[in-house]
Amino acid sequence: MPLAAVLTDLPPLPIWAWVAFFAFISAMLALDLGVFHRGSNIVKTKEALIWCGVWSALAFAFCGLLSLWRGGETAQQFLAGYLIELCLSVDNVFVFILVFAYFRVPAEWQHRVLFWGIIGAVVMRAIFILVGVSVLARFHWVIYVFGAFLVYTGIKMAFAGSGESEVDPEKNLAVRLFRRLFPVSPTMEGGRFFTHIDGRRVATPLFLVLLVVESTDLVFALDSLPAVLAITQDGFVALTSNIFAILGLRSLYFALSGIMQLFRFLKLGLSFILVFIGVKMLIEYFEIHIGTTLSLSVIGGVLTTSVLASVLIKDRTKAG
């Protein structure tokens, strides 16, 4: 699809809004990596929780600005999209844990991998969402395809066994193709992605980890794209809500990596939300519209119930 066609279907917002948003995000990322995490360090739980709070506070502040600038309906759409993407990111956290364990990535280099992985994720989501908005603007029937896909994904997620969460990075297509085209060193090289061996430039296993992270996010984007476009087809709102959620993902990983087992009902709640959103898209065919306020209430209620159930209901398998 031509770039001009995609840009034509974006909401008529002033250029300064886009420039200001991406300038702010770039500044925050530079501050994160260039000041607070300049060297190799292990991100502790307390620090991760603080950064989770920072990113969440920024997202809610942006939501408040949207409410003042473009009204409460737009702000609610942003908040709903943000919460959905944040919850879908929990699956990414599971994958990160498995990938880092598989490659035996030292804790002090995990932040570096996630930082560059999330930069790539931001670029991919921007392309996916803007193209998706343009496609829906031109071919409305695609919304029913997205709806059916979300219902299928939600049902599959609800009945997925624990074995389906396993990850074998060596079977990753991107990793296999890269190994054929570029030499890889046998060991980590001080946290670098590339090094030189016998005068030849080679990649390190840490770069393979980055490839797995990026390619995995590409797969997860297939879920998040229809989900956020079911909430809003405003390209600016869809994109900013996704980016805010993704930017907090790195801190979320370090905050939750040790206690993921406490949220065992969250995936079931998320599967219900995906089915709900899919049905919401499908029933538009019958001119039945579910408002943003109701959607946000359902999403918030299901997530709260899932987390409370995970904390309050004891795991009998472990108790036994």
Protein backbone atom coordinates (compact mmCIF):
# COMPACT_ATOMS: atom_id res chain seq x y z
CA MET A 1 0.00 0.00 0.00
CA PRO A 2 1.50 3.39 -0.97
CA LEU A 3 2.65 5.64 1.88
CA ALA A 4 0.52 8.50 0.54
CA ALA A 5 -2.63 6.35 0.85
CA VAL A 6 -1.80 5.45 4.46
CA LEU A 7 -1.19 9.08 5.40
CA THR A 8 -4.44 10.16 3.74
CA ASP A 9 -6.46 7.86 6.03
CA LEU A 10 -4.93 9.24 9.24
CA PRO A 11 -7.04 11.58 11.38
CA PRO A 12 -6.65 15.27 10.48
CA LEU A 13 -4.28 16.11 13.32
CA PRO A 14 -1.66 18.86 13.21
CA ILE A 15 1.88 17.73 12.44
CA TRP A 16 3.09 19.14 15.75
CA ALA A 17 1.06 16.50 17.64
CA TRP A 18 2.97 13.66 15.97
CA VAL A 19 6.31 15.44 16.25
CA ALA A 20 5.79 16.32 19.92
CA PHE A 21 4.76 12.77 20.84
CA PHE A 22 7.70 11.04 19.17
CA ALA A 23 10.14 13.70 20.42
CA PHE A 24 8.95 13.07 23.97
CA ILE A 25 9.19 9.29 23.61
CA SER A 26 12.69 9.57 22.12
CA ALA A 27 13.79 11.80 25.00
CA MET A 28 12.46 9.33 27.59
CA LEU A 29 14.21 6.40 25.91
CA ALA A 30 17.48 8.34 25.72
CA LEU A 31 17.13 9.20 29.41
CA ASP A 32 16.40 5.57 30.26
CA LEU A 33 19.36 4.00 28.45
CA GLY A 34 21.79 6.91 28.30
CA VAL A 35 21.51 8.09 31.91
CA PHE A 36 19.86 5.56 34.21
CA HIS A 37 21.10 2.37 32.50
CA ARG A 38 24.23 3.56 30.76
CA GLY A 39 26.42 0.63 31.75
CA SER A 40 25.73 -3.03 32.36
CA ASN A 41 23.73 -3.43 35.52
CA ILE A 42 21.19 -5.79 37.00
CA VAL A 43 17.76 -4.17 37.19
CA LYS A 44 16.39 -4.88 40.65
CA THR A 45 12.72 -5.36 41.45
CA LYS A 46 12.41 -2.05 43.33
CA GLU A 47 13.91 -0.10 40.44
CA ALA A 48 11.71 -1.93 37.93
CA LEU A 49 8.58 -1.15 39.97
CA ILE A 50 9.54 2.53 40.06
CA TRP A 51 9.92 2.59 36.26
CA CYS A 52 6.60 0.74 35.89
CA GLY A 53 5.05 3.53 37.93
CA VAL A 54 6.78 6.19 35.81
CA TRP A 55 5.57 4.74 32.50
CA SER A 56 2.05 4.19 33.87
CA ALA A 57 1.91 7.74 35.24
CA LEU A 58 3.02 9.11 31.86
CA ALA A 59 0.35 7.04 30.08
CA PHE A 60 -2.40 8.29 32.40
CA ALA A 61 -1.14 11.86 32.12
CA PHE A 62 -1.27 11.54 28.33
CA CYS A 63 -4.79 10.15 28.67
CA GLY A 64 -5.72 13.25 30.66
CA LEU A 65 -4.26 15.51 27.97
CA LEU A 66 -6.28 13.65 25.32
CA SER A 67 -9.43 14.19 27.38
CA LEU A 68 -8.81 17.94 27.53
CA TRP A 69 -7.75 18.16 23.89
CA ARG A 70 -10.10 15.78 22.07
CA GLY A 71 -12.76 14.80 24.60
CA GLY A 72 -13.60 12.01 27.02
CA GLU A 73 -14.53 9.43 24.36
CA THR A 74 -11.06 9.64 22.80
CA ALA A 75 -9.42 9.38 26.22
CA GLN A 76 -11.46 6.26 27.03
CA GLN A 77 -10.42 4.69 23.73
CA PHE A 78 -6.78 5.37 24.57
CA LEU A 79 -7.15 3.86 28.04
CA ALA A 80 -8.91 0.73 26.74
CA GLY A 81 -6.26 0.22 24.04
CA TYR A 82 -3.49 0.77 26.59
CA LEU A 83 -4.91 -1.79 29.05
CA ILE A 84 -5.43 -4.43 26.35
CA GLU A 85 -1.92 -4.05 24.97
CA LEU A 86 -0.43 -4.06 28.47
CA CYS A 87 -2.16 -7.35 29.27
CA LEU A 88 -1.22 -8.91 25.95
CA SER A 89 2.36 -7.98 26.85
CA VAL A 90 2.24 -10.45 29.73
CA ASP A 91 2.68 -13.25 27.18
CA ASN A 92 5.80 -11.45 25.95
CA VAL A 93 7.16 -11.54 29.50
CA PHE A 94 6.73 -15.33 29.60
CA VAL A 95 8.64 -15.63 26.33
CA PHE A 96 11.42 -13.31 27.51
CA ILE A 97 11.93 -15.47 30.60
CA LEU A 98 12.18 -18.65 28.54
CA VAL A 99 14.48 -17.14 25.89
CA PHE A 100 16.88 -15.63 28.40
CA ALA A 101 17.01 -18.93 30.28
CA TYR A 102 17.61 -20.90 27.06
CA PHE A 103 20.54 -18.73 25.97
CA ARG A 104 21.78 -18.25 29.55
CA VAL A 105 21.82 -14.47 29.14
CA PRO A 106 23.49 -12.83 32.17
CA ALA A 107 21.11 -10.62 34.12
CA GLU A 108 23.22 -7.51 33.53
CA TRP A 109 22.72 -7.73 29.73
CA GLN A 110 19.00 -8.47 29.67
CA HIS A 111 18.09 -4.78 29.88
CA ARG A 112 20.17 -4.01 26.77
CA VAL A 113 18.43 -6.72 24.74
CA LEU A 114 14.98 -5.61 25.84
CA PHE A 115 15.74 -1.95 25.14
CA TRP A 116 16.67 -2.54 21.50
CA GLY A 117 13.94 -5.17 21.16
CA ILE A 118 11.34 -2.64 22.23
CA ILE A 119 12.73 -0.01 19.84
CA GLY A 120 12.12 -2.51 17.04
CA ALA A 121 8.67 -3.31 18.43
CA VAL A 122 7.71 0.37 18.38
CA VAL A 123 8.69 0.65 14.71
CA MET A 124 6.81 -2.55 13.76
CA ARG A 125 3.66 -1.56 15.65
CA ALA A 126 3.68 1.89 14.04
CA ILE A 127 3.78 0.32 10.58
CA PHE A 128 1.17 -2.35 11.42
CA ILE A 129 -1.30 0.03 13.04
CA LEU A 130 -1.11 2.79 10.45
CA VAL A 131 -1.49 0.30 7.59
CA GLY A 132 -4.31 -1.44 9.50
CA VAL A 133 -6.20 1.82 9.95
CA SER A 134 -5.85 2.54 6.25
CA VAL A 135 -7.05 -0.95 5.29
CA LEU A 136 -10.15 -0.67 7.51
CA ALA A 137 -10.91 2.77 6.12
CA ARG A 138 -10.96 1.35 2.60
CA PHE A 139 -12.24 -2.21 3.18
CA HIS A 140 -14.63 -2.24 6.14
CA TRP A 141 -15.35 -5.97 5.76
CA VAL A 142 -11.83 -6.70 7.07
CA ILE A 143 -13.14 -5.83 10.54
CA TYR A 144 -15.14 -9.08 10.52
CA VAL A 145 -12.00 -11.05 9.65
CA PHE A 146 -10.24 -9.39 12.60
CA GLY A 147 -13.18 -10.19 14.85
CA ALA A 148 -13.24 -13.88 13.90
CA PHE A 149 -9.47 -14.06 14.40
CA LEU A 150 -9.74 -12.59 17.92
CA VAL A 151 -12.51 -15.03 18.89
CA TYR A 152 -10.37 -17.93 17.63
CA THR A 153 -7.28 -16.61 19.43
CA GLY A 154 -9.17 -16.10 22.69
CA ILE A 155 -10.65 -19.61 22.67
CA LYS A 156 -7.28 -21.13 21.77
CA MET A 157 -5.60 -19.19 24.59
CA ALA A 158 -8.21 -20.37 27.12
CA PHE A 159 -7.61 -24.04 26.34
CA ALA A 160 -3.84 -23.85 25.72
CA GLY A 161 -1.85 -26.24 27.88
CA SER A 162 1.34 -25.33 29.66
CA GLY A 163 3.37 -27.18 27.06
CA GLU A 164 2.35 -24.65 24.42
CA SER A 165 4.30 -21.97 26.29
CA GLU A 166 7.61 -23.68 25.62
CA VAL A 167 10.03 -21.92 23.34
CA ASP A 168 12.79 -23.45 21.23
CA PRO A 169 14.75 -20.49 19.81
CA GLU A 170 16.79 -22.75 17.54
CA LYS A 171 13.59 -23.50 15.58
CA ASN A 172 12.92 -19.79 15.15
CA LEU A 173 12.84 -19.00 11.42
CA ALA A 174 14.71 -15.70 11.80
CA VAL A 175 17.49 -17.38 13.79
CA ARG A 176 17.84 -20.24 11.28
CA LEU A 177 18.03 -17.88 8.31
CA PHE A 178 20.51 -15.61 10.06
CA ARG A 179 22.81 -18.53 10.94
CA ARG A 180 22.92 -19.46 7.25
CA LEU A 181 23.83 -15.94 6.16
CA PHE A 182 26.09 -14.72 8.97
CA PRO A 183 28.67 -16.38 11.26
CA VAL A 184 27.91 -16.49 14.98
CA SER A 185 30.49 -16.65 17.77
CA PRO A 186 30.21 -19.59 20.18
CA THR A 187 30.19 -17.44 23.34
CA MET A 188 28.86 -14.15 24.68
CA GLU A 189 31.25 -11.26 24.11
CA GLY A 190 30.81 -8.84 26.96
CA GLY A 191 27.26 -7.88 26.10
CA ARG A 192 28.04 -6.91 22.51
CA PHE A 193 25.84 -7.86 19.56
CA PHE A 194 28.79 -8.14 17.16
CA THR A 195 32.51 -8.84 17.53
CA HIS A 196 35.55 -9.84 15.46
CA ILE A 197 37.14 -13.28 15.34
CA ASP A 198 40.31 -13.76 13.25
CA GLY A 199 39.64 -10.42 11.58
CA ARG A 200 36.14 -11.41 10.55
CA ARG A 201 33.00 -9.66 11.83
CA VAL A 202 30.64 -12.12 13.52
CA ALA A 203 27.42 -11.89 15.49
CA THR A 204 27.24 -12.99 19.11
CA PRO A 205 24.58 -15.23 20.71
CA LEU A 206 23.20 -12.05 22.30
CA PHE A 207 22.21 -10.83 18.83
CA LEU A 208 20.37 -14.12 18.27
CA VAL A 209 18.46 -13.41 21.47
CA LEU A 210 17.50 -10.01 20.06
CA LEU A 211 16.32 -11.69 16.83
CA VAL A 212 14.10 -14.06 18.81
CA VAL A 213 12.65 -11.16 20.83
CA GLU A 214 11.92 -9.12 17.69
CA SER A 215 10.44 -11.99 15.68
CA THR A 216 8.31 -13.08 18.65
CA ASP A 217 6.91 -9.58 19.00
CA LEU A 218 6.02 -9.69 15.32
CA VAL A 219 3.79 -12.69 16.08
CA PHE A 220 2.23 -11.01 19.13
CA ALA A 221 1.48 -7.95 17.01
CA LEU A 222 -0.98 -10.09 15.04
CA ASP A 223 -3.11 -10.29 18.20
CA SER A 224 -2.70 -6.71 19.37
CA LEU A 225 -3.44 -5.10 15.99
CA PRO A 226 -7.05 -6.38 15.66
CA ALA A 227 -7.63 -5.85 19.39
CA VAL A 228 -6.69 -2.17 19.42
CA LEU A 229 -8.46 -1.49 16.10
CA ALA A 230 -11.63 -2.95 17.63
CA ILE A 231 -11.45 -0.21 20.27
CA THR A 232 -10.53 2.67 17.99
CA GLN A 233 -9.76 3.24 14.34
CA ASP A 234 -8.16 6.59 15.12
CA GLY A 235 -4.55 6.01 14.07
CA PHE A 236 -3.12 8.49 16.58
CA VAL A 237 -4.97 6.99 19.55
CA ALA A 238 -4.27 3.38 18.50
CA LEU A 239 -0.59 4.03 17.98
CA THR A 240 0.06 6.09 21.12
CA SER A 241 -1.77 3.62 23.38
CA ASN A 242 0.27 0.75 21.95
CA ILE A 243 3.57 2.57 22.27
CA PHE A 244 2.98 3.57 25.89
CA ALA A 245 2.19 -0.06 26.77
CA ILE A 246 5.25 -1.38 24.90
CA LEU A 247 7.60 1.14 26.53
CA GLY A 248 6.57 -0.12 29.96
CA LEU A 249 7.12 -3.74 28.94
CA ARG A 250 10.82 -3.79 29.79
CA SER A 251 10.20 -2.62 33.35
CA LEU A 252 7.24 -5.00 33.61
CA TYR A 253 9.54 -7.91 32.78
CA PHE A 254 11.99 -7.12 35.59
CA ALA A 255 9.16 -6.43 38.04
CA LEU A 256 7.18 -9.61 37.32
CA SER A 257 9.74 -12.18 36.14
CA GLY A 258 10.03 -13.67 39.62
CA ILE A 259 6.32 -13.73 40.47
CA MET A 260 4.60 -14.58 37.18
CA GLN A 261 3.15 -17.73 38.72
CA LEU A 262 0.99 -15.56 41.00
CA PHE A 263 -1.07 -14.40 38.02
CA ARG A 264 -2.15 -17.80 36.73
CA PHE A 265 -5.75 -16.66 35.99
CA LEU A 266 -4.67 -13.59 34.01
CA LYS A 267 -4.37 -15.52 30.76
CA LEU A 268 -7.91 -16.88 31.19
CA GLY A 269 -9.17 -13.34 31.76
CA LEU A 270 -7.29 -12.12 28.73
CA SER A 271 -8.78 -14.87 26.57
CA PHE A 272 -12.26 -13.73 27.67
CA ILE A 273 -11.39 -10.14 26.72
CA LEU A 274 -10.17 -11.19 23.27
CA VAL A 275 -13.39 -13.13 22.64
CA PHE A 276 -15.45 -10.17 23.89
CA ILE A 277 -13.64 -7.76 21.57
CA GLY A 278 -13.95 -10.19 18.66
CA VAL A 279 -17.69 -10.52 19.20
CA LYS A 280 -17.91 -6.72 19.49
CA MET A 281 -16.43 -6.45 15.99
CA LEU A 282 -18.59 -9.20 14.52
CA ILE A 283 -21.96 -7.90 15.77
CA GLU A 284 -21.36 -4.60 13.99
CA TYR A 285 -22.68 -6.47 10.95
CA PHE A 286 -26.10 -6.43 12.66
CA GLU A 287 -25.68 -2.72 13.50
CA ILE A 288 -25.20 -3.50 17.20
CA HIS A 289 -22.63 -1.14 18.66
CA ILE A 290 -20.96 -1.59 22.05
CA GLY A 291 -19.75 1.78 23.35
CA THR A 292 -16.27 2.53 24.59
CA THR A 293 -17.45 3.09 28.16
CA LEU A 294 -18.99 -0.39 28.35
CA SER A 295 -15.96 -1.95 26.68
CA LEU A 296 -13.61 -0.24 29.14
CA SER A 297 -15.77 -1.39 32.08
CA VAL A 298 -15.70 -5.01 30.87
CA ILE A 299 -11.93 -4.93 30.29
CA GLY A 300 -11.21 -3.35 33.68
CA GLY A 301 -13.62 -5.66 35.51
CA VAL A 302 -12.27 -8.85 33.95
CA LEU A 303 -8.64 -7.88 34.58
CA THR A 304 -9.35 -6.96 38.21
CA THR A 305 -11.24 -10.21 38.77
CA SER A 306 -8.44 -12.26 37.16
CA VAL A 307 -5.73 -10.71 39.33
CA LEU A 308 -7.78 -10.98 42.54
CA ALA A 309 -8.66 -14.61 41.78
CA SER A 310 -4.98 -15.38 41.16
CA VAL A 311 -4.00 -13.89 44.51
CA LEU A 312 -6.91 -15.13 46.65
CA ILE A 313 -7.46 -18.64 45.26
CA LYS A 314 -4.71 -21.02 46.32
CA ASP A 315 -3.03 -23.26 43.75
CA ARG A 316 -4.06 -26.75 44.91
CA THR A 317 -1.45 -28.47 42.73
CA LYS A 318 1.33 -26.74 44.66
CA ALA A 319 -0.44 -27.02 47.98
CA GLY A 320 -0.56 -30.77 47.55
